[in-house]
């Protein structure tokens, strides 16, 4: 376990050296200014589910 902690500590230190600001944004899961609808593609996936279901039921056997 000690080896993993050392590796993580080194990785975190190297990340901070390259861009501490990006590390902080990653830690707080900041994606930018705007609403959740504009920042996530989750809504596109929900729309796509019906499209994929149509494709799935369109074929039979091995094509399916």
Protein backbone atom coordinates (compact mmCIF):
# COMPACT_ATOMS: atom_id res chain seq x y z
CA UNK A 1 0.00 0.00 0.00
CA UNK A 2 2.87 2.34 0.72
CA UNK A 3 4.15 2.02 -2.85
CA UNK A 4 0.76 3.06 -4.29
CA UNK A 5 0.61 6.10 -2.03
CA UNK A 6 4.10 7.11 -3.10
CA UNK A 7 3.16 6.72 -6.77
CA UNK A 8 -0.01 8.78 -6.33
CA UNK A 9 1.87 11.48 -4.44
CA UNK A 10 4.49 11.71 -7.19
CA UNK A 11 1.80 11.79 -9.89
CA UNK A 12 -0.07 14.55 -8.07
CA UNK A 13 3.13 16.58 -7.64
CA UNK A 14 4.02 16.25 -11.33
CA UNK A 15 0.51 17.32 -12.32
CA UNK A 16 0.68 20.39 -10.09
CA UNK A 17 4.00 21.38 -11.65
CA UNK A 18 2.57 21.34 -15.17
CA UNK A 19 -0.72 23.09 -14.37
CA UNK A 20 -1.95 23.46 -10.83
CA UNK A 21 -5.04 25.28 -12.08
CA UNK A 22 -6.10 22.28 -14.20
CA UNK A 23 -5.57 19.95 -11.25
CA UNK A 24 -7.89 22.05 -9.07
CA UNK A 25 -10.54 22.18 -11.82
CA UNK A 26 -10.36 18.40 -12.16
CA UNK A 27 -10.65 17.87 -8.41
CA UNK A 28 -13.78 20.01 -8.16
CA UNK A 29 -15.15 18.53 -11.43
CA UNK A 30 -15.55 21.97 -13.02
CA UNK A 31 -16.68 21.81 -16.66
CA UNK A 32 -17.11 25.48 -17.40
CA UNK A 33 -19.74 28.17 -17.10
CA UNK A 34 -23.22 27.37 -18.29
CA UNK A 35 -26.20 25.24 -17.51
CA UNK A 36 -26.08 21.48 -17.08
CA UNK A 37 -28.04 21.05 -20.31
CA UNK A 38 -25.35 22.84 -22.31
CA UNK A 39 -22.39 21.16 -20.62
CA UNK A 40 -23.49 17.52 -20.82
CA UNK A 41 -24.15 15.20 -23.74
CA UNK A 42 -26.42 13.06 -21.55
CA UNK A 43 -29.52 14.57 -23.14
CA UNK A 44 -28.27 13.57 -26.60
CA UNK A 45 -27.89 9.99 -25.38
CA UNK A 46 -31.46 9.88 -24.14
CA UNK A 47 -32.64 11.05 -27.56
CA UNK A 48 -30.42 8.47 -29.25
CA UNK A 49 -31.89 5.54 -27.30
CA UNK A 50 -35.05 5.54 -29.43
CA UNK A 51 -32.96 5.71 -32.60
CA UNK A 52 -30.89 2.69 -31.55
CA UNK A 53 -34.00 0.74 -30.57
CA UNK A 54 -35.43 1.32 -34.06
CA UNK A 55 -32.22 0.03 -35.63
CA UNK A 56 -32.14 -2.97 -33.32
CA UNK A 57 -35.70 -4.11 -34.03
CA UNK A 58 -35.31 -3.53 -37.76
CA UNK A 59 -33.08 -6.61 -38.26
CA UNK A 60 -33.40 -10.33 -37.56
CA UNK A 61 -30.93 -13.16 -36.92
CA UNK A 62 -27.22 -12.49 -37.33
CA UNK A 63 -27.74 -8.95 -38.61
CA UNK A 64 -29.42 -8.09 -35.34
